[in-house]
Amino acid sequence: AVALAAGAVTAVVSSTAFSFDTVPNQTASTFSGTVSANALTASPTNAVSITGAAAASLSTALAGQPVKVSGTGLAFLVNTKVYQESVEFFSGANGDFTVSVYSTKSGAQTVTFTTGTATSSVVVTFAAGAVALVSIDAPAQAQVGQALDVVVTTTDKWGNVKASGATNTTANDNLGELTVSSTGTGYFASTALVTNAAGKATVKYIVGTAD
């Protein structure tokens, strides 16, 4: 309420550097190496839960330290809200925190935590989701008597390549076998396909000499 002359106020700041007293890590109970790629609004039970703790250097862990989590193309669930690519929040008791991470891109994704000048990173590997899209790459025309290569690619709904699964001759017949068919001239050498780990399968399309 009273105006103060310049220099009359002393600001007290800490000279102690920030650090992580425990490296952020995936919670063992919710992470087993890979998880399914999820939409940004998917159930948190399908996300990767990462825990860690922030601490003041050379001191005991402290509550309420600012922690920033970031990752290109990722989404983070913090206190029931979803944030894209980055969010800053305050750690809880003993500097601990938990963040749920989502990705619609499969493969290894890097999650980076920052508190003060200290940083720590965790690599999370996301698996592709279920097969949702099928694309076909075939020649536009052919001569009679040819056997043409037709390439089929399967991806999940976000465009990540995904193997279509085993054929119906195995016990895993519910994984998504592909069946191909054609009308008009020519025929496929095989009508049942299974794409490989790269999401691709090649089948011969045969055009007869009389076609």
Protein backbone atom coordinates (compact mmCIF):
# COMPACT_ATOMS: atom_id res chain seq x y z
CA ALA A 1 0.00 0.00 0.00
CA VAL A 2 3.02 2.27 0.45
CA ALA A 3 5.22 3.25 -2.52
CA LEU A 4 8.81 2.10 -2.08
CA ALA A 5 11.92 3.82 -3.39
CA ALA A 6 14.04 2.04 -5.97
CA GLY A 7 16.37 -0.44 -4.35
CA ALA A 8 14.28 -0.79 -1.24
CA VAL A 9 12.94 -4.22 -2.20
CA THR A 10 15.13 -7.31 -2.11
CA ALA A 11 14.09 -10.29 -4.24
CA VAL A 12 15.17 -13.59 -2.74
CA VAL A 13 15.89 -16.29 -5.36
CA SER A 14 17.34 -19.75 -5.07
CA SER A 15 20.80 -20.40 -6.46
CA THR A 16 20.18 -24.14 -6.34
CA ALA A 17 19.99 -25.84 -9.74
CA PHE A 18 17.16 -28.17 -10.65
CA SER A 19 17.67 -31.87 -11.26
CA PHE A 20 15.80 -35.16 -11.45
CA ASP A 21 16.38 -37.35 -8.41
CA THR A 22 14.92 -40.28 -10.32
CA VAL A 23 15.00 -40.68 -14.06
CA PRO A 24 11.48 -40.58 -15.55
CA ASN A 25 10.44 -44.08 -16.46
CA GLN A 26 7.56 -46.08 -17.82
CA THR A 27 5.41 -47.58 -15.08
CA ALA A 28 6.01 -51.32 -15.20
CA SER A 29 2.38 -52.17 -14.58
CA THR A 30 1.19 -50.25 -17.64
CA PHE A 31 4.10 -50.70 -20.09
CA SER A 32 5.47 -53.90 -21.57
CA GLY A 33 7.64 -52.66 -24.45
CA THR A 34 5.08 -51.52 -26.99
CA VAL A 35 1.57 -50.13 -26.82
CA SER A 36 -1.07 -49.53 -29.44
CA ALA A 37 -1.13 -46.17 -31.19
CA ASN A 38 -4.07 -44.20 -29.88
CA ALA A 39 -6.17 -41.25 -30.95
CA LEU A 40 -5.62 -38.09 -28.93
CA THR A 41 -8.93 -38.67 -27.13
CA ALA A 42 -8.47 -42.40 -26.58
CA SER A 43 -8.90 -44.03 -23.20
CA PRO A 44 -6.00 -43.27 -20.83
CA THR A 45 -5.79 -47.00 -20.08
CA ASN A 46 -4.25 -47.45 -23.53
CA ALA A 47 -1.62 -44.75 -23.03
CA VAL A 48 1.93 -45.05 -21.72
CA SER A 49 2.13 -43.87 -18.12
CA ILE A 50 5.48 -42.23 -17.30
CA THR A 51 6.49 -41.40 -13.75
CA GLY A 52 9.41 -39.46 -12.35
CA ALA A 53 10.45 -36.96 -9.71
CA ALA A 54 12.07 -33.53 -9.77
CA ALA A 55 14.43 -32.41 -7.06
CA ALA A 56 16.53 -29.42 -6.09
CA SER A 57 20.19 -30.26 -6.64
CA LEU A 58 22.09 -31.30 -3.49
CA SER A 59 18.90 -31.28 -1.47
CA THR A 60 15.90 -33.45 -0.78
CA ALA A 61 13.11 -33.73 -3.35
CA LEU A 62 10.72 -30.80 -3.28
CA ALA A 63 7.06 -30.50 -4.14
CA GLY A 64 5.73 -27.95 -6.60
CA GLN A 65 8.69 -27.73 -8.94
CA PRO A 66 7.90 -26.76 -12.56
CA VAL A 67 8.22 -29.68 -14.97
CA LYS A 68 7.81 -29.45 -18.74
CA VAL A 69 7.12 -32.53 -20.85
CA SER A 70 7.39 -32.38 -24.64
CA GLY A 71 7.50 -34.59 -27.71
CA THR A 72 6.98 -33.95 -31.41
CA GLY A 73 3.62 -35.27 -32.61
CA LEU A 74 2.69 -36.59 -29.17
CA ALA A 75 -0.16 -35.74 -26.81
CA PHE A 76 0.02 -35.65 -23.02
CA LEU A 77 -2.67 -36.20 -20.43
CA VAL A 78 -2.03 -34.13 -17.29
CA ASN A 79 -4.68 -33.67 -14.60
CA THR A 80 -7.49 -34.96 -16.87
CA LYS A 81 -6.63 -32.55 -19.71
CA VAL A 82 -4.97 -33.40 -23.04
CA TYR A 83 -2.20 -31.20 -24.44
CA GLN A 84 -0.50 -31.46 -27.83
CA GLU A 85 3.30 -31.66 -28.06
CA SER A 86 4.12 -29.91 -24.76
CA VAL A 87 2.76 -28.89 -21.38
CA GLU A 88 4.27 -27.43 -18.21
CA PHE A 89 2.96 -28.33 -14.78
CA PHE A 90 4.05 -28.47 -11.14
CA SER A 91 5.28 -31.64 -9.50
CA GLY A 92 3.45 -33.13 -6.55
CA ALA A 93 4.64 -34.38 -3.18
CA ASN A 94 8.37 -35.15 -3.11
CA GLY A 95 8.64 -33.73 -6.62
CA ASP A 96 6.86 -36.73 -8.13
CA PHE A 97 4.71 -36.63 -11.26
CA THR A 98 2.85 -38.90 -13.66
CA VAL A 99 2.10 -38.16 -17.31
CA SER A 100 0.14 -40.27 -19.81
CA VAL A 101 1.50 -40.18 -23.36
CA TYR A 102 -0.41 -40.80 -26.60
CA SER A 103 0.79 -41.17 -30.17
CA THR A 104 -0.93 -41.71 -33.50
CA LYS A 105 2.45 -42.46 -35.09
CA SER A 106 4.00 -45.87 -34.56
CA GLY A 107 7.66 -46.50 -33.80
CA ALA A 108 10.09 -45.05 -31.28
CA GLN A 109 9.06 -41.63 -29.95
CA THR A 110 11.15 -39.49 -27.61
CA VAL A 111 9.54 -37.87 -24.56
CA THR A 112 11.62 -35.13 -22.93
CA PHE A 113 11.22 -33.80 -19.39
CA THR A 114 12.71 -30.49 -18.29
CA THR A 115 12.92 -28.89 -14.85
CA GLY A 116 15.02 -25.77 -14.62
CA THR A 117 18.22 -26.53 -16.53
CA ALA A 118 17.95 -30.30 -16.06
CA THR A 119 16.55 -32.54 -18.79
CA SER A 120 15.81 -36.24 -19.04
CA SER A 121 14.42 -38.24 -21.95
CA VAL A 122 12.51 -41.50 -22.31
CA VAL A 123 12.02 -43.41 -25.59
CA VAL A 124 8.59 -45.00 -25.95
CA THR A 125 7.82 -47.45 -28.78
CA PHE A 126 4.27 -47.42 -30.10
CA ALA A 127 2.86 -50.27 -32.19
CA ALA A 128 0.52 -49.64 -35.11
CA GLY A 129 -3.20 -50.03 -34.52
CA ALA A 130 -5.52 -52.51 -36.21
CA VAL A 131 -5.59 -52.73 -39.99
CA ALA A 132 -8.09 -50.19 -41.27
CA LEU A 133 -6.98 -49.20 -44.80
CA VAL A 134 -5.96 -51.20 -47.87
CA SER A 135 -4.29 -49.66 -50.92
CA ILE A 136 -3.45 -51.31 -54.26
CA ASP A 137 -0.60 -50.46 -56.62
CA ALA A 138 -1.09 -52.05 -60.03
CA PRO A 139 -0.10 -51.27 -63.64
CA ALA A 140 -2.69 -49.27 -65.57
CA GLN A 141 -2.50 -51.61 -68.60
CA ALA A 142 -0.94 -54.86 -69.77
CA GLN A 143 -0.35 -56.98 -72.84
CA VAL A 144 -1.86 -60.41 -73.29
CA GLY A 145 0.07 -63.32 -71.81
CA GLN A 146 1.63 -61.23 -69.03
CA ALA A 147 1.92 -61.89 -65.31
CA LEU A 148 1.80 -58.57 -63.49
CA ASP A 149 2.90 -57.72 -59.96
CA VAL A 150 0.13 -56.16 -57.88
CA VAL A 151 1.28 -54.72 -54.54
CA VAL A 152 -1.20 -54.47 -51.66
CA THR A 153 -0.40 -52.32 -48.61
CA THR A 154 -2.25 -52.38 -45.30
CA THR A 155 -2.15 -49.59 -42.71
CA ASP A 156 -4.01 -48.55 -39.59
CA LYS A 157 -6.38 -45.58 -39.71
CA TRP A 158 -3.51 -43.16 -39.05
CA GLY A 159 -1.40 -44.45 -41.95
CA ASN A 160 1.05 -46.61 -39.98
CA VAL A 161 1.98 -49.77 -41.87
CA LYS A 162 0.59 -52.90 -40.27
CA ALA A 163 0.82 -56.58 -41.17
CA SER A 164 -2.60 -57.94 -42.07
CA GLY A 165 -2.18 -61.05 -39.93
CA ALA A 166 -2.14 -64.82 -40.35
CA THR A 167 -4.21 -66.79 -42.84
CA ASN A 168 -7.20 -68.90 -41.90
CA THR A 169 -5.00 -71.99 -41.96
CA THR A 170 -3.57 -71.02 -38.55
CA ALA A 171 -4.96 -70.58 -35.10
CA ASN A 172 -4.69 -66.81 -35.51
CA ASP A 173 -7.34 -66.50 -38.17
CA ASN A 174 -8.90 -63.45 -36.53
CA LEU A 175 -5.96 -61.15 -37.29
CA GLY A 176 -7.24 -59.91 -40.64
CA GLU A 177 -6.51 -62.07 -43.66
CA LEU A 178 -6.89 -60.29 -47.01
CA THR A 179 -8.95 -61.72 -49.86
CA VAL A 180 -8.44 -60.35 -53.37
CA SER A 181 -10.73 -60.75 -56.35
CA SER A 182 -11.12 -59.34 -59.84
CA THR A 183 -13.68 -58.97 -62.61
CA GLY A 184 -13.19 -59.01 -66.36
CA THR A 185 -10.07 -60.41 -68.01
CA GLY A 186 -7.25 -62.04 -66.09
CA TYR A 187 -7.10 -63.61 -62.65
CA PHE A 188 -5.01 -63.57 -59.48
CA ALA A 189 -2.52 -66.41 -58.90
CA SER A 190 -3.66 -66.39 -55.26
CA THR A 191 -6.78 -64.99 -53.67
CA ALA A 192 -5.63 -65.03 -50.02
CA LEU A 193 -2.86 -62.63 -48.98
CA VAL A 194 -1.00 -61.81 -45.79
CA THR A 195 1.04 -58.62 -45.72
CA ASN A 196 4.49 -58.68 -44.13
CA ALA A 197 5.88 -56.56 -41.31
CA ALA A 198 6.21 -53.66 -43.78
CA GLY A 199 2.49 -53.95 -44.47
CA LYS A 200 3.01 -55.16 -48.05
CA ALA A 201 2.13 -58.23 -50.09
CA THR A 202 2.78 -58.89 -53.79
CA VAL A 203 0.48 -61.10 -55.87
CA LYS A 204 0.65 -62.06 -59.54
CA TYR A 205 -2.19 -60.99 -61.81
CA ILE A 206 -2.19 -63.18 -64.88
CA VAL A 207 -3.54 -62.09 -68.23
CA GLY A 208 -4.14 -65.03 -70.56
CA THR A 209 -3.13 -65.12 -74.22
CA ALA A 210 -6.78 -65.16 -75.24
CA ASP A 211 -7.73 -62.20 -73.04
